[in-house]
Amino acid sequence: QRNEDTKLYDLKCTIYELLFKLFISNDISLNSLYVKICHSQHVLNVMIFNEICKKPKFLSDIKYFTLDFDRCKVIPNLPIPSFEYSPSAITSNKHFTIYFNSKKNLSERNLKYLIKSQTQLLSLTLYTISSKVAYLMSALKYCSNTLTSIKLNSCDFNGMPSLNGLNYLIHLESLQFKHCKVITVQVFRPLLEISTPLKIKTLTLEGLIQFLHISGIVHVDIVQLFKLITHVRKHLQYLSLQIRNHRQPCFIESDYEQQLRVSSMILTNLGQILPDTLKYLELKLVIDPIKLKIFLDNCKHIVGLNSLLVMNNSQNDNIFDVLKEFVREKK
């Protein structure tokens, strides 16, 4: 039986090799390439990769490129580096998809090079990414001029503090998380480090986010902050918001005015988008009592609020009466 299996495998290798040689000999250039890496076909993979990389024109017009490591029991030492020696190989690619093997680490050098070489990349899709391959995100800076869409599917963010690399993507319009685990606000932190206004039009979070803590909020974060809260509010139960340097005394007038302005924007627009089922709310702001009264009036629909913590960093801490009246009305 084993001898028959070997013959069948050899025949398959021969057919695949002849097919690729036929394509190449006819001067064909691919539009789409899906490479599935399987340990059981390691020799075949090497053979095909070698043939492909001898003819860079075969790859020069690719627009859709997929690498699939997902079903590998062991990641073989595939000759992916051979792409490095062909300057025109896969540089026209616009849509790159990688299926990772979550239990095995991949070659950092090879995959970072492939990302770096995608000078026309528009979209990147990553499946089953984990903290072991988080290094790949740093290569996104090389695609910052073109990349507009990132989709993360079935990814585990446990042990991954943030997606460093997102802060380079000034043209990002779509960011999607589907079937992901342990999504925290720190995952999004690099987006708030972008100096220019965010261009994100589509933000998809498929999951049940119940706790959300955001700190270091400044003026340019406000729009995205409200979009994020609106998107996750269906299951949100615990919310904590903190402006930048709220613990520092505001001795500089311009700093104080800026923090007061940011806090007032939050208080004026936050209450009406909070869910009815919110249980815990923590605010660390520079608070104007009038804006606080507006906020609390907009929160009267919240029936399950058990804890409200308000820390005021204002020069005039005169919000006690407003809070006392709110508590009296709730009773």
Protein backbone atom coordinates (compact mmCIF):
# COMPACT_ATOMS: atom_id res chain seq x y z
CA GLN A 1 0.00 0.00 0.00
CA ARG A 2 2.82 2.38 0.87
CA ASN A 3 4.51 1.67 -2.45
CA GLU A 4 1.26 2.50 -4.25
CA ASP A 5 0.92 5.73 -2.27
CA THR A 6 4.46 6.70 -3.21
CA LYS A 7 3.77 6.09 -6.89
CA LEU A 8 0.58 8.13 -6.70
CA TYR A 9 2.41 10.98 -4.98
CA ASP A 10 5.20 10.92 -7.58
CA LEU A 11 2.61 11.00 -10.36
CA LYS A 12 0.88 13.98 -8.72
CA CYS A 13 4.20 15.82 -8.45
CA THR A 14 4.94 15.17 -12.10
CA ILE A 15 1.52 16.42 -13.24
CA TYR A 16 1.76 19.57 -11.11
CA GLU A 17 5.25 20.31 -12.33
CA LEU A 18 4.27 19.81 -15.98
CA LEU A 19 1.25 22.08 -15.55
CA PHE A 20 3.35 24.88 -14.12
CA LYS A 21 5.97 24.46 -16.84
CA LEU A 22 3.20 24.58 -19.44
CA PHE A 23 1.89 27.85 -18.04
CA ILE A 24 5.34 29.35 -17.82
CA SER A 25 6.40 28.23 -21.30
CA ASN A 26 3.35 29.98 -22.75
CA ASP A 27 4.42 33.23 -21.12
CA ILE A 28 1.36 33.33 -18.88
CA SER A 29 1.21 35.73 -15.94
CA LEU A 30 -1.09 34.97 -13.03
CA ASN A 31 -3.76 37.26 -11.63
CA SER A 32 -4.33 35.20 -8.47
CA LEU A 33 -2.06 32.82 -6.55
CA TYR A 34 -3.13 30.61 -3.62
CA VAL A 35 -0.23 28.75 -1.98
CA LYS A 36 -1.22 26.05 0.50
CA ILE A 37 1.70 24.85 2.60
CA CYS A 38 1.39 21.18 3.58
CA HIS A 39 4.02 19.12 5.34
CA SER A 40 2.96 16.01 3.45
CA GLN A 41 3.74 17.74 0.16
CA HIS A 42 6.96 19.46 1.19
CA VAL A 43 8.98 18.15 -1.78
CA LEU A 44 6.25 19.22 -4.17
CA ASN A 45 6.14 22.68 -2.60
CA VAL A 46 9.88 23.12 -3.02
CA MET A 47 9.74 21.97 -6.63
CA ILE A 48 6.93 24.36 -7.55
CA PHE A 49 8.46 27.29 -5.70
CA ASN A 50 11.75 26.76 -7.49
CA GLU A 51 10.06 26.68 -10.89
CA ILE A 52 7.99 29.77 -10.13
CA CYS A 53 10.91 31.84 -8.93
CA LYS A 54 12.94 31.11 -12.05
CA LYS A 55 10.30 33.03 -14.02
CA PRO A 56 9.39 36.24 -12.17
CA LYS A 57 7.09 37.34 -15.02
CA PHE A 58 4.81 34.48 -14.02
CA LEU A 59 4.09 36.40 -10.79
CA SER A 60 4.49 39.97 -11.93
CA ASP A 61 0.76 40.69 -12.47
CA ILE A 62 -0.66 39.00 -9.38
CA LYS A 63 -3.41 41.03 -7.68
CA TYR A 64 -4.58 38.40 -5.15
CA PHE A 65 -2.01 36.44 -3.15
CA THR A 66 -2.82 33.92 -0.39
CA LEU A 67 -0.48 31.93 1.85
CA ASP A 68 -2.20 29.13 3.77
CA PHE A 69 -0.30 27.58 6.69
CA ASP A 70 -3.44 26.74 8.63
CA ARG A 71 -3.52 22.94 8.42
CA CYS A 72 0.19 22.27 8.79
CA LYS A 73 1.19 19.96 11.62
CA VAL A 74 4.77 21.12 11.24
CA ILE A 75 5.89 24.23 9.40
CA PRO A 76 8.52 23.07 6.91
CA ASN A 77 11.49 25.20 5.91
CA LEU A 78 9.95 26.29 2.65
CA PRO A 79 11.99 28.31 0.16
CA ILE A 80 9.88 31.44 0.55
CA PRO A 81 13.12 33.49 0.77
CA SER A 82 13.65 32.75 -2.91
CA PHE A 83 11.15 35.54 -3.61
CA GLU A 84 13.80 37.93 -2.31
CA TYR A 85 16.04 37.23 -5.25
CA SER A 86 13.42 38.16 -7.81
CA PRO A 87 12.78 41.92 -7.55
CA SER A 88 9.62 41.89 -9.67
CA ALA A 89 8.01 38.90 -7.92
CA ILE A 90 4.58 39.66 -6.41
CA THR A 91 5.12 43.41 -6.15
CA SER A 92 1.90 44.14 -8.05
CA ASN A 93 -0.22 42.37 -5.43
CA LYS A 94 -3.12 44.41 -4.06
CA HIS A 95 -4.84 41.89 -1.77
CA PHE A 96 -2.78 39.69 0.58
CA THR A 97 -4.27 36.93 2.76
CA ILE A 98 -2.39 34.76 5.26
CA TYR A 99 -3.82 31.76 7.11
CA PHE A 100 -1.54 31.16 10.08
CA ASN A 101 -0.89 28.00 12.03
CA SER A 102 -1.66 29.15 15.57
CA LYS A 103 0.52 26.50 17.22
CA LYS A 104 3.71 27.01 15.24
CA ASN A 105 5.82 30.09 14.72
CA LEU A 106 6.63 31.17 11.19
CA SER A 107 9.77 32.65 9.74
CA GLU A 108 9.80 36.29 10.82
CA ARG A 109 12.29 37.29 8.13
CA ASN A 110 10.39 35.69 5.26
CA LEU A 111 6.92 36.97 6.08
CA LYS A 112 8.05 40.47 7.02
CA TYR A 113 9.87 40.64 3.70
CA LEU A 114 6.74 39.63 1.81
CA ILE A 115 4.71 42.34 3.56
CA LYS A 116 7.46 44.90 3.00
CA SER A 117 7.66 44.10 -0.71
CA GLN A 118 3.93 44.75 -1.31
CA THR A 119 4.27 48.33 -2.51
CA GLN A 120 0.74 48.45 -3.99
CA LEU A 121 -1.10 46.60 -1.23
CA LEU A 122 -4.70 47.73 -0.63
CA SER A 123 -6.01 45.06 1.75
CA LEU A 124 -4.49 42.62 4.24
CA THR A 125 -6.39 39.70 5.77
CA LEU A 126 -4.90 37.63 8.61
CA TYR A 127 -6.42 34.42 9.96
CA THR A 128 -5.52 32.81 13.31
CA ILE A 129 -2.85 35.34 14.22
CA SER A 130 -1.48 35.08 17.78
CA SER A 131 1.11 36.83 19.91
CA LYS A 132 3.77 34.55 18.39
CA VAL A 133 3.43 36.27 15.03
CA ALA A 134 2.63 39.77 16.28
CA TYR A 135 5.99 40.87 14.86
CA LEU A 136 4.33 40.87 11.45
CA MET A 137 2.30 43.97 12.32
CA SER A 138 5.42 46.15 12.47
CA ALA A 139 5.90 45.59 8.73
CA LEU A 140 2.69 47.51 8.03
CA LYS A 141 4.62 50.76 8.00
CA TYR A 142 5.97 49.79 4.58
CA CYS A 143 2.39 49.71 3.23
CA SER A 144 1.22 52.93 4.86
CA ASN A 145 0.82 54.85 1.58
CA THR A 146 -1.58 52.33 0.01
CA LEU A 147 -3.15 50.05 2.64
CA THR A 148 -6.81 50.92 3.27
CA SER A 149 -8.30 47.70 4.67
CA ILE A 150 -7.32 45.18 7.38
CA LYS A 151 -9.38 42.15 8.35
CA LEU A 152 -8.45 39.99 11.35
CA ASN A 153 -10.34 36.70 11.55
CA SER A 154 -10.27 34.07 14.34
CA CYS A 155 -7.34 35.81 16.03
CA ASP A 156 -6.34 35.46 19.69
CA PHE A 157 -5.06 38.71 21.21
CA ASN A 158 -4.23 37.19 24.59
CA GLY A 159 -0.73 38.38 25.50
CA MET A 160 -0.69 40.87 22.62
CA PRO A 161 -0.83 44.34 24.25
CA SER A 162 -1.46 46.28 21.04
CA LEU A 163 -1.32 46.07 17.26
CA ASN A 164 1.80 48.14 16.80
CA GLY A 165 1.89 49.11 13.17
CA LEU A 166 -1.65 50.43 12.93
CA ASN A 167 -0.32 53.86 13.85
CA TYR A 168 1.42 54.05 10.46
CA LEU A 169 -1.77 53.50 8.47
CA ILE A 170 -2.94 57.04 7.84
CA HIS A 171 -5.15 55.95 4.91
CA LEU A 172 -6.92 53.08 6.69
CA GLU A 173 -10.66 53.07 5.89
CA SER A 174 -11.77 49.61 7.02
CA LEU A 175 -10.79 47.67 10.16
CA GLN A 176 -12.60 44.39 10.88
CA PHE A 177 -12.32 41.92 13.76
CA LYS A 178 -14.28 38.70 13.25
CA HIS A 179 -14.47 35.76 15.68
CA CYS A 180 -11.51 37.14 17.65
CA LYS A 181 -10.63 36.50 21.31
CA VAL A 182 -9.48 38.84 24.10
CA ILE A 183 -9.99 42.14 22.28
CA THR A 184 -9.07 44.98 24.65
CA VAL A 185 -8.93 48.71 24.08
CA GLN A 186 -5.13 48.48 24.02
CA VAL A 187 -5.44 46.69 20.70
CA PHE A 188 -6.76 49.96 19.26
CA ARG A 189 -4.33 52.25 21.08
CA PRO A 190 -1.96 52.70 18.07
CA LEU A 191 -4.86 54.19 16.08
CA LEU A 192 -5.07 57.03 18.59
CA GLU A 193 -1.39 57.80 18.00
CA ILE A 194 -2.03 58.80 14.38
CA SER A 195 -1.38 62.53 14.14
CA THR A 196 -3.80 63.11 11.24
CA PRO A 197 -7.60 62.62 11.47
CA LEU A 198 -8.62 58.98 11.11
CA LYS A 199 -10.29 57.99 7.83
CA ILE A 200 -11.90 54.79 9.10
CA LYS A 201 -15.39 54.40 7.63
CA THR A 202 -15.95 50.75 8.53
CA LEU A 203 -15.21 49.33 11.99
CA THR A 204 -16.47 45.79 12.57
CA LEU A 205 -16.20 44.05 15.94
CA GLU A 206 -17.89 40.66 16.00
CA GLY A 207 -17.90 39.61 19.63
CA LEU A 208 -19.30 40.45 23.06
CA ILE A 209 -17.37 43.39 24.51
CA GLN A 210 -18.63 44.02 28.05
CA PHE A 211 -15.75 46.03 29.54
CA LEU A 212 -14.19 49.07 27.90
CA HIS A 213 -11.49 51.29 29.42
CA ILE A 214 -10.01 54.15 27.42
CA SER A 215 -7.39 56.49 28.85
CA GLY A 216 -5.35 59.38 27.49
CA ILE A 217 -8.29 60.82 25.53
CA VAL A 218 -7.53 64.03 23.60
CA HIS A 219 -9.58 66.18 21.23
CA VAL A 220 -8.80 64.22 18.04
CA ASP A 221 -10.00 60.98 19.68
CA ILE A 222 -13.55 62.14 20.38
CA VAL A 223 -15.25 61.16 17.11
CA GLN A 224 -13.69 57.69 17.05
CA LEU A 225 -14.46 57.27 20.76
CA PHE A 226 -18.19 57.81 20.22
CA LYS A 227 -18.17 55.54 17.16
CA LEU A 228 -16.52 52.77 19.17
CA ILE A 229 -18.93 53.05 22.11
CA THR A 230 -21.92 53.12 19.75
CA HIS A 231 -20.64 50.00 18.00
CA VAL A 232 -20.11 47.91 21.17
CA ARG A 233 -22.90 49.27 23.39
CA LYS A 234 -25.25 46.34 22.82
CA HIS A 235 -23.33 44.22 25.35
CA LEU A 236 -21.37 46.94 27.17
CA GLN A 237 -21.71 46.80 30.97
CA TYR A 238 -18.56 48.50 32.29
CA LEU A 239 -17.18 51.76 30.91
CA SER A 240 -14.19 53.80 32.10
CA LEU A 241 -13.07 57.02 30.38
CA GLN A 242 -10.06 59.12 31.29
CA ILE A 243 -8.66 62.20 29.59
CA ARG A 244 -4.92 62.63 29.17
CA ASN A 245 -2.96 63.51 32.34
CA HIS A 246 -6.09 63.80 34.43
CA ARG A 247 -4.07 63.29 37.61
CA GLN A 248 -1.73 66.18 36.90
CA PRO A 249 -2.71 69.59 38.35
CA CYS A 250 -3.67 71.94 35.53
CA PHE A 251 -1.37 74.85 36.30
CA ILE A 252 -1.00 75.96 32.69
CA GLU A 253 -4.10 77.83 31.57
CA SER A 254 -4.02 76.55 27.99
CA ASP A 255 -3.74 72.94 29.18
CA TYR A 256 -6.62 73.43 31.57
CA GLU A 257 -8.84 74.96 28.90
CA GLN A 258 -8.02 72.15 26.48
CA GLN A 259 -8.84 69.45 29.04
CA LEU A 260 -12.04 71.27 30.00
CA ARG A 261 -13.06 71.45 26.33
CA VAL A 262 -12.42 67.72 25.74
CA SER A 263 -14.29 66.81 28.94
CA SER A 264 -17.24 69.02 28.01
CA MET A 265 -17.49 67.36 24.59
CA ILE A 266 -17.60 63.96 26.28
CA LEU A 267 -20.22 65.01 28.83
CA THR A 268 -22.44 66.69 26.23
CA ASN A 269 -22.57 63.74 23.82
CA LEU A 270 -21.92 60.57 25.84
CA GLY A 271 -25.09 60.08 27.89
CA GLN A 272 -27.48 59.55 25.01
CA ILE A 273 -25.41 56.76 23.42
CA LEU A 274 -24.89 54.72 26.60
CA PRO A 275 -26.83 51.42 26.82
CA ASP A 276 -29.79 50.99 29.18
CA THR A 277 -28.07 48.02 30.81
CA LEU A 278 -24.80 49.75 31.77
CA LYS A 279 -23.79 48.68 35.30
CA TYR A 280 -20.59 50.62 35.98
CA LEU A 281 -19.46 54.04 34.79
CA GLU A 282 -16.18 55.74 35.67
CA LEU A 283 -15.28 59.25 34.47
CA LYS A 284 -11.96 61.00 35.14
CA LEU A 285 -12.33 64.43 33.57
CA VAL A 286 -12.08 68.18 34.06
CA ILE A 287 -15.74 68.86 34.77
CA ASP A 288 -17.97 71.86 34.25
CA PRO A 289 -21.02 71.42 36.56
CA ILE A 290 -23.40 72.60 33.82
CA LYS A 291 -22.06 69.98 31.38
CA LEU A 292 -22.26 67.33 34.10
CA LYS A 293 -25.93 68.18 34.67
CA ILE A 294 -26.58 67.78 30.93
CA PHE A 295 -24.79 64.43 30.96
CA LEU A 296 -26.73 63.10 33.95
CA ASP A 297 -30.04 64.21 32.43
CA ASN A 298 -29.12 62.22 29.31
CA CYS A 299 -28.40 59.14 31.46
CA LYS A 300 -31.85 58.78 33.00
CA HIS A 301 -32.66 55.92 30.63
CA ILE A 302 -29.96 53.75 32.24
CA VAL A 303 -31.92 51.50 34.60
CA GLY A 304 -29.16 49.14 35.73
CA LEU A 305 -26.44 51.59 36.80
CA ASN A 306 -25.10 50.35 40.15
CA SER A 307 -21.83 52.28 40.35
CA LEU A 308 -20.96 55.80 39.25
CA LEU A 309 -17.44 57.06 39.95
CA VAL A 310 -16.65 60.66 38.99
CA MET A 311 -13.18 62.15 39.50
CA ASN A 312 -12.97 65.88 38.85
CA ASN A 313 -9.60 67.46 38.06
CA SER A 314 -11.07 70.93 37.77
CA GLN A 315 -9.59 73.95 39.53
CA ASN A 316 -13.04 74.44 41.02
CA ASP A 317 -14.33 71.14 42.34
CA ASN A 318 -17.96 72.13 42.66
CA ILE A 319 -19.87 69.17 41.29
CA PHE A 320 -21.06 67.64 44.56
CA ASP A 321 -24.49 69.29 44.51
CA VAL A 322 -25.12 68.09 40.95
CA LEU A 323 -24.23 64.51 41.86
CA LYS A 324 -26.29 64.64 45.05
CA GLU A 325 -29.35 65.76 43.11
CA PHE A 326 -28.85 62.96 40.57
CA VAL A 327 -28.65 60.33 43.33
CA ARG A 328 -31.75 61.73 45.01
CA GLU A 329 -33.71 61.50 41.76
CA LYS A 330 -32.52 57.93 41.13
CA LYS A 331 -33.92 56.89 44.50
